[in-house]
PDB file of all heavy atoms in Angstrom:
ATOM      1  N   VAL A   1       2.333 -10.839 -36.836  1.00  0.00           N
ATOM      2  CA  VAL A   1       3.781 -10.950 -36.613  1.00  0.00           C
ATOM      3  C   VAL A   1       4.145 -12.421 -36.760  1.00  0.00           C
ATOM      4  O   VAL A   1       3.285 -13.298 -36.697  1.00  0.00           O
ATOM      5  CB  VAL A   1       4.194 -10.441 -35.213  1.00  0.00           C
ATOM      6  CG1 VAL A   1       3.960  -8.947 -35.107  1.00  0.00           C
ATOM      7  CG2 VAL A   1       3.456 -11.188 -34.105  1.00  0.00           C
ATOM      8  N   ARG A   2       5.428 -12.672 -36.975  1.00  0.00           N
ATOM      9  CA  ARG A   2       5.871 -14.057 -37.086  1.00  0.00           C
ATOM     10  C   ARG A   2       6.790 -14.360 -35.924  1.00  0.00           C
ATOM     11  O   ARG A   2       7.877 -13.782 -35.802  1.00  0.00           O
ATOM     12  CB  ARG A   2       6.594 -14.292 -38.409  1.00  0.00           C
ATOM     13  CG  ARG A   2       6.777 -15.780 -38.716  1.00  0.00           C
ATOM     14  CD  ARG A   2       7.643 -15.981 -39.939  1.00  0.00           C
ATOM     15  NE  ARG A   2       9.054 -15.712 -39.642  1.00  0.00           N
ATOM     16  CZ  ARG A   2       9.999 -15.611 -40.568  1.00  0.00           C
ATOM     17  NH1 ARG A   2       9.683 -15.694 -41.839  1.00  0.00           N
ATOM     18  NH2 ARG A   2      11.256 -15.390 -40.218  1.00  0.00           N
ATOM     19  N   LEU A   3       6.356 -15.251 -35.081  1.00  0.00           N
ATOM     20  CA  LEU A   3       7.137 -15.668 -33.920  1.00  0.00           C
ATOM     21  C   LEU A   3       7.667 -17.091 -34.149  1.00  0.00           C
ATOM     22  O   LEU A   3       7.057 -17.877 -34.863  1.00  0.00           O
ATOM     23  CB  LEU A   3       6.275 -15.626 -32.665  1.00  0.00           C
ATOM     24  CG  LEU A   3       5.556 -14.279 -32.406  1.00  0.00           C
ATOM     25  CD1 LEU A   3       4.585 -14.407 -31.250  1.00  0.00           C
ATOM     26  CD2 LEU A   3       6.570 -13.172 -32.151  1.00  0.00           C
ATOM     27  N   LEU A   4       8.794 -17.404 -33.580  1.00  0.00           N
ATOM     28  CA  LEU A   4       9.422 -18.728 -33.667  1.00  0.00           C
ATOM     29  C   LEU A   4       9.991 -19.046 -35.043  1.00  0.00           C
ATOM     30  O   LEU A   4      10.315 -20.193 -35.333  1.00  0.00           O
ATOM     31  CB  LEU A   4       8.430 -19.834 -33.256  1.00  0.00           C
ATOM     32  CG  LEU A   4       7.838 -19.725 -31.850  1.00  0.00           C
ATOM     33  CD1 LEU A   4       6.915 -20.904 -31.578  1.00  0.00           C
ATOM     34  CD2 LEU A   4       8.938 -19.660 -30.801  1.00  0.00           C
ATOM     35  N   GLY A   5      10.097 -18.069 -35.920  1.00  0.00           N
ATOM     36  CA  GLY A   5      10.748 -18.298 -37.203  1.00  0.00           C
ATOM     37  C   GLY A   5       9.820 -18.859 -38.260  1.00  0.00           C
ATOM     38  O   GLY A   5       8.639 -19.116 -38.036  1.00  0.00           O
ATOM     39  N   HIS A   6      10.381 -19.031 -39.465  1.00  0.00           N
ATOM     40  CA  HIS A   6       9.577 -19.513 -40.579  1.00  0.00           C
ATOM     41  C   HIS A   6       9.114 -20.944 -40.345  1.00  0.00           C
ATOM     42  O   HIS A   6       7.952 -21.281 -40.564  1.00  0.00           O
ATOM     43  CB  HIS A   6      10.391 -19.444 -41.876  1.00  0.00           C
ATOM     44  CG  HIS A   6       9.698 -20.094 -43.034  1.00  0.00           C
ATOM     45  ND1 HIS A   6       8.573 -19.554 -43.616  1.00  0.00           N
ATOM     46  CD2 HIS A   6       9.954 -21.261 -43.705  1.00  0.00           C
ATOM     47  CE1 HIS A   6       8.164 -20.345 -44.602  1.00  0.00           C
ATOM     48  NE2 HIS A   6       8.981 -21.382 -44.676  1.00  0.00           N
ATOM     49  N   ALA A   7      10.025 -21.814 -39.948  1.00  0.00           N
ATOM     50  CA  ALA A   7       9.713 -23.216 -39.688  1.00  0.00           C
ATOM     51  C   ALA A   7      10.664 -23.704 -38.611  1.00  0.00           C
ATOM     52  O   ALA A   7      11.516 -22.956 -38.123  1.00  0.00           O
ATOM     53  CB  ALA A   7       9.826 -24.040 -40.967  1.00  0.00           C
ATOM     54  N   GLY A   8      10.527 -24.975 -38.259  1.00  0.00           N
ATOM     55  CA  GLY A   8      11.276 -25.494 -37.127  1.00  0.00           C
ATOM     56  C   GLY A   8      12.776 -25.324 -37.212  1.00  0.00           C
ATOM     57  O   GLY A   8      13.442 -25.104 -36.201  1.00  0.00           O
ATOM     58  N   SER A   9      13.339 -25.400 -38.411  1.00  0.00           N
ATOM     59  CA  SER A   9      14.791 -25.321 -38.563  1.00  0.00           C
ATOM     60  C   SER A   9      15.300 -23.908 -38.802  1.00  0.00           C
ATOM     61  O   SER A   9      16.508 -23.690 -38.933  1.00  0.00           O
ATOM     62  CB  SER A   9      15.232 -26.221 -39.733  1.00  0.00           C
ATOM     63  OG  SER A   9      14.615 -25.777 -40.938  1.00  0.00           O
ATOM     64  N   ASP A  10      14.400 -22.949 -38.860  1.00  0.00           N
ATOM     65  CA  ASP A  10      14.776 -21.577 -39.188  1.00  0.00           C
ATOM     66  C   ASP A  10      15.305 -20.854 -37.942  1.00  0.00           C
ATOM     67  O   ASP A  10      14.642 -20.838 -36.901  1.00  0.00           O
ATOM     68  CB  ASP A  10      13.558 -20.841 -39.752  1.00  0.00           C
ATOM     69  CG  ASP A  10      13.881 -19.421 -40.169  1.00  0.00           C
ATOM     70  OD1 ASP A  10      14.983 -19.204 -40.688  1.00  0.00           O
ATOM     71  OD2 ASP A  10      13.026 -18.540 -39.978  1.00  0.00           O
ATOM     72  N   VAL A  11      16.473 -20.233 -38.070  1.00  0.00           N
ATOM     73  CA  VAL A  11      17.058 -19.454 -36.972  1.00  0.00           C
ATOM     74  C   VAL A  11      16.970 -17.979 -37.353  1.00  0.00           C
ATOM     75  O   VAL A  11      17.773 -17.472 -38.138  1.00  0.00           O
ATOM     76  CB  VAL A  11      18.523 -19.863 -36.703  1.00  0.00           C
ATOM     77  CG1 VAL A  11      19.095 -19.030 -35.558  1.00  0.00           C
ATOM     78  CG2 VAL A  11      18.614 -21.349 -36.399  1.00  0.00           C
ATOM     79  N   GLU A  12      15.982 -17.295 -36.811  1.00  0.00           N
ATOM     80  CA  GLU A  12      15.742 -15.907 -37.201  1.00  0.00           C
ATOM     81  C   GLU A  12      16.901 -14.982 -36.863  1.00  0.00           C
ATOM     82  O   GLU A  12      17.124 -13.980 -37.558  1.00  0.00           O
ATOM     83  CB  GLU A  12      14.484 -15.387 -36.510  1.00  0.00           C
ATOM     84  CG  GLU A  12      13.182 -15.909 -37.072  1.00  0.00           C
ATOM     85  CD  GLU A  12      12.007 -15.206 -36.441  1.00  0.00           C
ATOM     86  OE1 GLU A  12      11.859 -15.305 -35.207  1.00  0.00           O
ATOM     87  OE2 GLU A  12      11.249 -14.552 -37.166  1.00  0.00           O
ATOM     88  N   ALA A  13      17.619 -15.294 -35.809  1.00  0.00           N
ATOM     89  CA  ALA A  13      18.707 -14.412 -35.380  1.00  0.00           C
ATOM     90  C   ALA A  13      19.776 -14.259 -36.455  1.00  0.00           C
ATOM     91  O   ALA A  13      20.562 -13.302 -36.427  1.00  0.00           O
ATOM     92  CB  ALA A  13      19.334 -14.956 -34.096  1.00  0.00           C
ATOM     93  N   ALA A  14      19.792 -15.163 -37.428  1.00  0.00           N
ATOM     94  CA  ALA A  14      20.786 -15.096 -38.490  1.00  0.00           C
ATOM     95  C   ALA A  14      20.500 -13.968 -39.468  1.00  0.00           C
ATOM     96  O   ALA A  14      21.398 -13.540 -40.195  1.00  0.00           O
ATOM     97  CB  ALA A  14      20.848 -16.431 -39.229  1.00  0.00           C
ATOM     98  N   TYR A  15      19.271 -13.469 -39.507  1.00  0.00           N
ATOM     99  CA  TYR A  15      18.944 -12.429 -40.486  1.00  0.00           C
ATOM    100  C   TYR A  15      18.031 -11.335 -39.948  1.00  0.00           C
ATOM    101  O   TYR A  15      17.662 -10.426 -40.685  1.00  0.00           O
ATOM    102  CB  TYR A  15      18.301 -13.055 -41.740  1.00  0.00           C
ATOM    103  CG  TYR A  15      17.074 -13.909 -41.466  1.00  0.00           C
ATOM    104  CD1 TYR A  15      15.807 -13.335 -41.351  1.00  0.00           C
ATOM    105  CD2 TYR A  15      17.179 -15.288 -41.324  1.00  0.00           C
ATOM    106  CE1 TYR A  15      14.680 -14.111 -41.104  1.00  0.00           C
ATOM    107  CE2 TYR A  15      16.064 -16.071 -41.080  1.00  0.00           C
ATOM    108  CZ  TYR A  15      14.817 -15.480 -40.972  1.00  0.00           C
ATOM    109  OH  TYR A  15      13.706 -16.249 -40.720  1.00  0.00           O
ATOM    110  N   ARG A  16      17.663 -11.402 -38.671  1.00  0.00           N
ATOM    111  CA  ARG A  16      16.821 -10.350 -38.089  1.00  0.00           C
ATOM    112  C   ARG A  16      17.511  -9.742 -36.873  1.00  0.00           C
ATOM    113  O   ARG A  16      18.176 -10.436 -36.094  1.00  0.00           O
ATOM    114  CB  ARG A  16      15.451 -10.900 -37.678  1.00  0.00           C
ATOM    115  CG  ARG A  16      14.626 -11.466 -38.817  1.00  0.00           C
ATOM    116  CD  ARG A  16      13.210 -11.775 -38.368  1.00  0.00           C
ATOM    117  NE  ARG A  16      12.441 -10.558 -38.129  1.00  0.00           N
ATOM    118  CZ  ARG A  16      11.267 -10.517 -37.508  1.00  0.00           C
ATOM    119  NH1 ARG A  16      10.747 -11.639 -37.027  1.00  0.00           N
ATOM    120  NH2 ARG A  16      10.638  -9.377 -37.337  1.00  0.00           N
ATOM    121  N   ARG A  17      17.312  -8.447 -36.700  1.00  0.00           N
ATOM    122  CA  ARG A  17      17.921  -7.753 -35.568  1.00  0.00           C
ATOM    123  C   ARG A  17      17.177  -8.079 -34.279  1.00  0.00           C
ATOM    124  O   ARG A  17      15.956  -8.283 -34.286  1.00  0.00           O
ATOM    125  CB  ARG A  17      17.880  -6.245 -35.799  1.00  0.00           C
ATOM    126  CG  ARG A  17      18.659  -5.770 -37.024  1.00  0.00           C
ATOM    127  CD  ARG A  17      18.511  -4.272 -37.194  1.00  0.00           C
ATOM    128  NE  ARG A  17      17.106  -3.881 -37.301  1.00  0.00           N
ATOM    129  CZ  ARG A  17      16.673  -2.625 -37.348  1.00  0.00           C
ATOM    130  NH1 ARG A  17      17.545  -1.634 -37.277  1.00  0.00           N
ATOM    131  NH2 ARG A  17      15.376  -2.358 -37.447  1.00  0.00           N
ATOM    132  N   PRO A  18      17.888  -8.097 -33.152  1.00  0.00           N
ATOM    133  CA  PRO A  18      17.231  -8.349 -31.865  1.00  0.00           C
ATOM    134  C   PRO A  18      16.082  -7.378 -31.594  1.00  0.00           C
ATOM    135  O   PRO A  18      15.051  -7.774 -31.038  1.00  0.00           O
ATOM    136  CB  PRO A  18      18.367  -8.172 -30.854  1.00  0.00           C
ATOM    137  CG  PRO A  18      19.599  -8.517 -31.618  1.00  0.00           C
ATOM    138  CD  PRO A  18      19.360  -8.018 -33.005  1.00  0.00           C
ATOM    139  N   ALA A  19      16.230  -6.125 -32.008  1.00  0.00           N
ATOM    140  CA  ALA A  19      15.171  -5.140 -31.771  1.00  0.00           C
ATOM    141  C   ALA A  19      13.898  -5.505 -32.528  1.00  0.00           C
ATOM    142  O   ALA A  19      12.783  -5.303 -32.031  1.00  0.00           O
ATOM    143  CB  ALA A  19      15.650  -3.750 -32.183  1.00  0.00           C
ATOM    144  N   ASP A  20      14.056  -6.057 -33.744  1.00  0.00           N
ATOM    145  CA  ASP A  20      12.884  -6.451 -34.525  1.00  0.00           C
ATOM    146  C   ASP A  20      12.192  -7.654 -33.894  1.00  0.00           C
ATOM    147  O   ASP A  20      10.956  -7.732 -33.860  1.00  0.00           O
ATOM    148  CB  ASP A  20      13.299  -6.778 -35.956  1.00  0.00           C
ATOM    149  CG  ASP A  20      13.801  -5.558 -36.707  1.00  0.00           C
ATOM    150  OD1 ASP A  20      13.355  -4.441 -36.381  1.00  0.00           O
ATOM    151  OD2 ASP A  20      14.652  -5.731 -37.608  1.00  0.00           O
ATOM    152  N   LEU A  21      12.983  -8.588 -33.400  1.00  0.00           N
ATOM    153  CA  LEU A  21      12.401  -9.750 -32.735  1.00  0.00           C
ATOM    154  C   LEU A  21      11.653  -9.338 -31.475  1.00  0.00           C
ATOM    155  O   LEU A  21      10.554  -9.840 -31.191  1.00  0.00           O
ATOM    156  CB  LEU A  21      13.493 -10.761 -32.390  1.00  0.00           C
ATOM    157  CG  LEU A  21      14.221 -11.407 -33.581  1.00  0.00           C
ATOM    158  CD1 LEU A  21      15.383 -12.259 -33.090  1.00  0.00           C
ATOM    159  CD2 LEU A  21      13.256 -12.250 -34.399  1.00  0.00           C
ATOM    160  N   ALA A  22      12.229  -8.411 -30.739  1.00  0.00           N
ATOM    161  CA  ALA A  22      11.576  -7.931 -29.519  1.00  0.00           C
ATOM    162  C   ALA A  22      10.283  -7.188 -29.834  1.00  0.00           C
ATOM    163  O   ALA A  22       9.281  -7.316 -29.119  1.00  0.00           O
ATOM    164  CB  ALA A  22      12.536  -7.033 -28.740  1.00  0.00           C
ATOM    165  N   ALA A  23      10.288  -6.427 -30.920  1.00  0.00           N
ATOM    166  CA  ALA A  23       9.090  -5.681 -31.308  1.00  0.00           C
ATOM    167  C   ALA A  23       7.961  -6.640 -31.684  1.00  0.00           C
ATOM    168  O   ALA A  23       6.791  -6.396 -31.359  1.00  0.00           O
ATOM    169  CB  ALA A  23       9.413  -4.747 -32.467  1.00  0.00           C
ATOM    170  N   ASP A  24       8.292  -7.701 -32.370  1.00  0.00           N
ATOM    171  CA  ASP A  24       7.267  -8.685 -32.717  1.00  0.00           C
ATOM    172  C   ASP A  24       6.728  -9.377 -31.471  1.00  0.00           C
ATOM    173  O   ASP A  24       5.515  -9.611 -31.343  1.00  0.00           O
ATOM    174  CB  ASP A  24       7.844  -9.733 -33.671  1.00  0.00           C
ATOM    175  CG  ASP A  24       7.810  -9.272 -35.117  1.00  0.00           C
ATOM    176  OD1 ASP A  24       7.337  -8.147 -35.378  1.00  0.00           O
ATOM    177  OD2 ASP A  24       8.267 -10.035 -35.993  1.00  0.00           O
ATOM    178  N   LEU A  25       7.623  -9.724 -30.565  1.00  0.00           N
ATOM    179  CA  LEU A  25       7.194 -10.377 -29.338  1.00  0.00           C
ATOM    180  C   LEU A  25       6.218  -9.499 -28.567  1.00  0.00           C
ATOM    181  O   LEU A  25       5.223  -9.988 -28.005  1.00  0.00           O
ATOM    182  CB  LEU A  25       8.407 -10.715 -28.478  1.00  0.00           C
ATOM    183  CG  LEU A  25       8.145 -11.508 -27.191  1.00  0.00           C
ATOM    184  CD1 LEU A  25       7.509 -12.846 -27.511  1.00  0.00           C
ATOM    185  CD2 LEU A  25       9.440 -11.697 -26.415  1.00  0.00           C
ATOM    186  N   ALA A  26       6.460  -8.207 -28.567  1.00  0.00           N
ATOM    187  CA  ALA A  26       5.576  -7.277 -27.847  1.00  0.00           C
ATOM    188  C   ALA A  26       4.184  -7.224 -28.457  1.00  0.00           C
ATOM    189  O   ALA A  26       3.238  -6.771 -27.797  1.00  0.00           O
ATOM    190  CB  ALA A  26       6.199  -5.882 -27.835  1.00  0.00           C
ATOM    191  N   ARG A  27       4.035  -7.680 -29.707  1.00  0.00           N
ATOM    192  CA  ARG A  27       2.735  -7.669 -30.373  1.00  0.00           C
ATOM    193  C   ARG A  27       2.111  -9.068 -30.426  1.00  0.00           C
ATOM    194  O   ARG A  27       1.193  -9.306 -31.214  1.00  0.00           O
ATOM    195  CB  ARG A  27       2.875  -7.104 -31.787  1.00  0.00           C
ATOM    196  CG  ARG A  27       3.315  -5.654 -31.841  1.00  0.00           C
ATOM    197  CD  ARG A  27       3.351  -5.146 -33.276  1.00  0.00           C
ATOM    198  NE  ARG A  27       2.028  -5.223 -33.899  1.00  0.00           N
ATOM    199  CZ  ARG A  27       1.795  -5.655 -35.130  1.00  0.00           C
ATOM    200  NH1 ARG A  27       2.799  -6.075 -35.890  1.00  0.00           N
ATOM    201  NH2 ARG A  27       0.564  -5.701 -35.608  1.00  0.00           N
ATOM    202  N   ASP A  28       2.589  -9.972 -29.608  1.00  0.00           N
ATOM    203  CA  ASP A  28       2.054 -11.335 -29.587  1.00  0.00           C
ATOM    204  C   ASP A  28       0.529 -11.314 -29.434  1.00  0.00           C
ATOM    205  O   ASP A  28       0.005 -10.805 -28.447  1.00  0.00           O
ATOM    206  CB  ASP A  28       2.683 -12.107 -28.429  1.00  0.00           C
ATOM    207  CG  ASP A  28       2.038 -13.458 -28.195  1.00  0.00           C
ATOM    208  OD1 ASP A  28       1.470 -14.017 -29.155  1.00  0.00           O
ATOM    209  OD2 ASP A  28       2.085 -13.945 -27.047  1.00  0.00           O
ATOM    210  N   PRO A  29      -0.213 -11.861 -30.391  1.00  0.00           N
ATOM    211  CA  PRO A  29      -1.673 -11.785 -30.327  1.00  0.00           C
ATOM    212  C   PRO A  29      -2.289 -12.586 -29.182  1.00  0.00           C
ATOM    213  O   PRO A  29      -3.349 -12.203 -28.661  1.00  0.00           O
ATOM    214  CB  PRO A  29      -2.123 -12.334 -31.685  1.00  0.00           C
ATOM    215  CG  PRO A  29      -0.975 -13.130 -32.181  1.00  0.00           C
ATOM    216  CD  PRO A  29       0.250 -12.476 -31.650  1.00  0.00           C
ATOM    217  N   VAL A  30      -1.669 -13.686 -28.783  1.00  0.00           N
ATOM    218  CA  VAL A  30      -2.217 -14.461 -27.670  1.00  0.00           C
ATOM    219  C   VAL A  30      -2.108 -13.655 -26.382  1.00  0.00           C
ATOM    220  O   VAL A  30      -3.056 -13.584 -25.580  1.00  0.00           O
ATOM    221  CB  VAL A  30      -1.493 -15.813 -27.542  1.00  0.00           C
ATOM    222  CG1 VAL A  30      -2.084 -16.627 -26.399  1.00  0.00           C
ATOM    223  CG2 VAL A  30      -1.584 -16.596 -28.849  1.00  0.00           C
ATOM    224  N   THR A  31      -0.977 -13.022 -26.198  1.00  0.00           N
ATOM    225  CA  THR A  31      -0.804 -12.156 -25.029  1.00  0.00           C
ATOM    226  C   THR A  31      -1.771 -10.980 -25.086  1.00  0.00           C
ATOM    227  O   THR A  31      -2.356 -10.586 -24.059  1.00  0.00           O
ATOM    228  CB  THR A  31       0.644 -11.651 -24.959  1.00  0.00           C
ATOM    229  OG1 THR A  31       1.539 -12.770 -24.864  1.00  0.00           O
ATOM    230  CG2 THR A  31       0.851 -10.741 -23.758  1.00  0.00           C
ATOM    231  N   ALA A  32      -1.961 -10.404 -26.256  1.00  0.00           N
ATOM    232  CA  ALA A  32      -2.866  -9.260 -26.393  1.00  0.00           C
ATOM    233  C   ALA A  32      -4.297  -9.644 -26.036  1.00  0.00           C
ATOM    234  O   ALA A  32      -5.016  -8.878 -25.370  1.00  0.00           O
ATOM    235  CB  ALA A  32      -2.805  -8.725 -27.820  1.00  0.00           C
ATOM    236  N   THR A  33      -4.745 -10.816 -26.465  1.00  0.00           N
ATOM    237  CA  THR A  33      -6.100 -11.260 -26.107  1.00  0.00           C
ATOM    238  C   THR A  33      -6.197 -11.524 -24.610  1.00  0.00           C
ATOM    239  O   THR A  33      -7.227 -11.216 -23.980  1.00  0.00           O
ATOM    240  CB  THR A  33      -6.469 -12.529 -26.900  1.00  0.00           C
ATOM    241  OG1 THR A  33      -6.405 -12.241 -28.299  1.00  0.00           O
ATOM    242  CG2 THR A  33      -7.881 -12.988 -26.563  1.00  0.00           C
ATOM    243  N   ALA A  34      -5.135 -12.063 -24.016  1.00  0.00           N
ATOM    244  CA  ALA A  34      -5.135 -12.282 -22.571  1.00  0.00           C
ATOM    245  C   ALA A  34      -5.278 -10.956 -21.832  1.00  0.00           C
ATOM    246  O   ALA A  34      -6.052 -10.842 -20.864  1.00  0.00           O
ATOM    247  CB  ALA A  34      -3.851 -12.997 -22.152  1.00  0.00           C
ATOM    248  N   ARG A  35      -4.570  -9.926 -22.276  1.00  0.00           N
ATOM    249  CA  ARG A  35      -4.697  -8.606 -21.647  1.00  0.00           C
ATOM    250  C   ARG A  35      -6.127  -8.085 -21.766  1.00  0.00           C
ATOM    251  O   ARG A  35      -6.678  -7.513 -20.821  1.00  0.00           O
ATOM    252  CB  ARG A  35      -3.739  -7.615 -22.308  1.00  0.00           C
ATOM    253  CG  ARG A  35      -2.286  -7.783 -21.953  1.00  0.00           C
ATOM    254  CD  ARG A  35      -1.522  -6.498 -22.272  1.00  0.00           C
ATOM    255  NE  ARG A  35      -0.106  -6.765 -22.450  1.00  0.00           N
ATOM    256  CZ  ARG A  35       0.496  -6.927 -23.622  1.00  0.00           C
ATOM    257  NH1 ARG A  35      -0.218  -6.859 -24.755  1.00  0.00           N
ATOM    258  NH2 ARG A  35       1.783  -7.166 -23.684  1.00  0.00           N
ATOM    259  N   LEU A  36      -6.729  -8.265 -22.945  1.00  0.00           N
ATOM    260  CA  LEU A  36      -8.107  -7.818 -23.147  1.00  0.00           C
ATOM    261  C   LEU A  36      -9.045  -8.488 -22.154  1.00  0.00           C
ATOM    262  O   LEU A  36      -9.908  -7.831 -21.538  1.00  0.00           O
ATOM    263  CB  LEU A  36      -8.540  -8.137 -24.585  1.00  0.00           C
ATOM    264  CG  LEU A  36     -10.013  -7.891 -24.928  1.00  0.00           C
ATOM    265  CD1 LEU A  36     -10.316  -6.387 -24.909  1.00  0.00           C
ATOM    266  CD2 LEU A  36     -10.359  -8.493 -26.290  1.00  0.00           C
ATOM    267  N   LEU A  37      -8.888  -9.766 -21.976  1.00  0.00           N
ATOM    268  CA  LEU A  37      -9.754 -10.505 -21.059  1.00  0.00           C
ATOM    269  C   LEU A  37      -9.560 -10.066 -19.610  1.00  0.00           C
ATOM    270  O   LEU A  37     -10.528  -9.983 -18.832  1.00  0.00           O
ATOM    271  CB  LEU A  37      -9.473 -12.005 -21.193  1.00  0.00           C
ATOM    272  CG  LEU A  37      -9.909 -12.649 -22.514  1.00  0.00           C
ATOM    273  CD1 LEU A  37      -9.282 -14.025 -22.682  1.00  0.00           C
ATOM    274  CD2 LEU A  37     -11.427 -12.749 -22.571  1.00  0.00           C
ATOM    275  N   ILE A  38      -8.329  -9.763 -19.259  1.00  0.00           N
ATOM    276  CA  ILE A  38      -8.048  -9.368 -17.868  1.00  0.00           C
ATOM    277  C   ILE A  38      -8.510  -7.946 -17.608  1.00  0.00           C
ATOM    278  O   ILE A  38      -9.199  -7.660 -16.608  1.00  0.00           O
ATOM    279  CB  ILE A  38      -6.550  -9.527 -17.572  1.00  0.00           C
ATOM    280  CG1 ILE A  38      -6.149 -11.010 -17.642  1.00  0.00           C
ATOM    281  CG2 ILE A  38      -6.206  -8.954 -16.198  1.00  0.00           C
ATOM    282  CD1 ILE A  38      -4.653 -11.255 -17.617  1.00  0.00           C
ATOM    283  N   THR A  39      -8.169  -7.014 -18.483  1.00  0.00           N
ATOM    284  CA  THR A  39      -8.495  -5.601 -18.234  1.00  0.00           C
ATOM    285  C   THR A  39      -9.987  -5.327 -18.312  1.00  0.00           C
ATOM    286  O   THR A  39     -10.480  -4.369 -17.705  1.00  0.00           O
ATOM    287  CB  THR A  39      -7.773  -4.690 -19.246  1.00  0.00           C
ATOM    288  OG1 THR A  39      -8.132  -5.077 -20.575  1.00  0.00           O
ATOM    289  CG2 THR A  39      -6.263  -4.780 -19.065  1.00  0.00           C
ATOM    290  N   THR A  40     -10.735  -6.157 -19.034  1.00  0.00           N
ATOM    291  CA  THR A  40     -12.189  -5.958 -19.104  1.00  0.00           C
ATOM    292  C   THR A  40     -12.924  -6.725 -18.015  1.00  0.00           C
ATOM    293  O   THR A  40     -14.161  -6.706 -17.973  1.00  0.00           O
ATOM    294  CB  THR A  40     -12.721  -6.405 -20.472  1.00  0.00           C
ATOM    295  OG1 THR A  40     -12.329  -7.752 -20.727  1.00  0.00           O
ATOM    296  CG2 THR A  40     -12.208  -5.494 -21.577  1.00  0.00           C
ATOM    297  N   GLY A  41     -12.193  -7.410 -17.170  1.00  0.00           N
ATOM    298  CA  GLY A  41     -12.811  -8.093 -16.048  1.00  0.00           C
ATOM    299  C   GLY A  41     -13.416  -9.441 -16.382  1.00  0.00           C
ATOM    300  O   GLY A  41     -14.154 -10.006 -15.571  1.00  0.00           O
ATOM    301  N   VAL A  42     -13.113  -9.977 -17.539  1.00  0.00           N
ATOM    302  CA  VAL A  42     -13.653 -11.282 -17.913  1.00  0.00           C
ATOM    303  C   VAL A  42     -12.932 -12.405 -17.165  1.00  0.00           C
ATOM    304  O   VAL A  42     -13.536 -13.412 -16.791  1.00  0.00           O
ATOM    305  CB  VAL A  42     -13.541 -11.502 -19.436  1.00  0.00           C
ATOM    306  CG1 VAL A  42     -14.001 -12.902 -19.824  1.00  0.00           C
ATOM    307  CG2 VAL A  42     -14.345 -10.456 -20.184  1.00  0.00           C
ATOM    308  N   ALA A  43     -11.637 -12.249 -16.921  1.00  0.00           N
ATOM    309  CA  ALA A  43     -10.851 -13.291 -16.267  1.00  0.00           C
ATOM    310  C   ALA A  43      -9.803 -12.663 -15.369  1.00  0.00           C
ATOM    311  O   ALA A  43      -9.320 -11.555 -15.630  1.00  0.00           O
ATOM    312  CB  ALA A  43     -10.187 -14.180 -17.307  1.00  0.00           C
TER     313      ALA A  43
END
């Protein structure tokens, strides 16, 4: 997924729907790895 836009000056809200942005946020890979570490008892 692409979070925070294409580059620093890019405003995604100008061309992407809020629902699409929210869906990408829900798939954040850093958060997903954190969940894996917590649910498996590593951290």
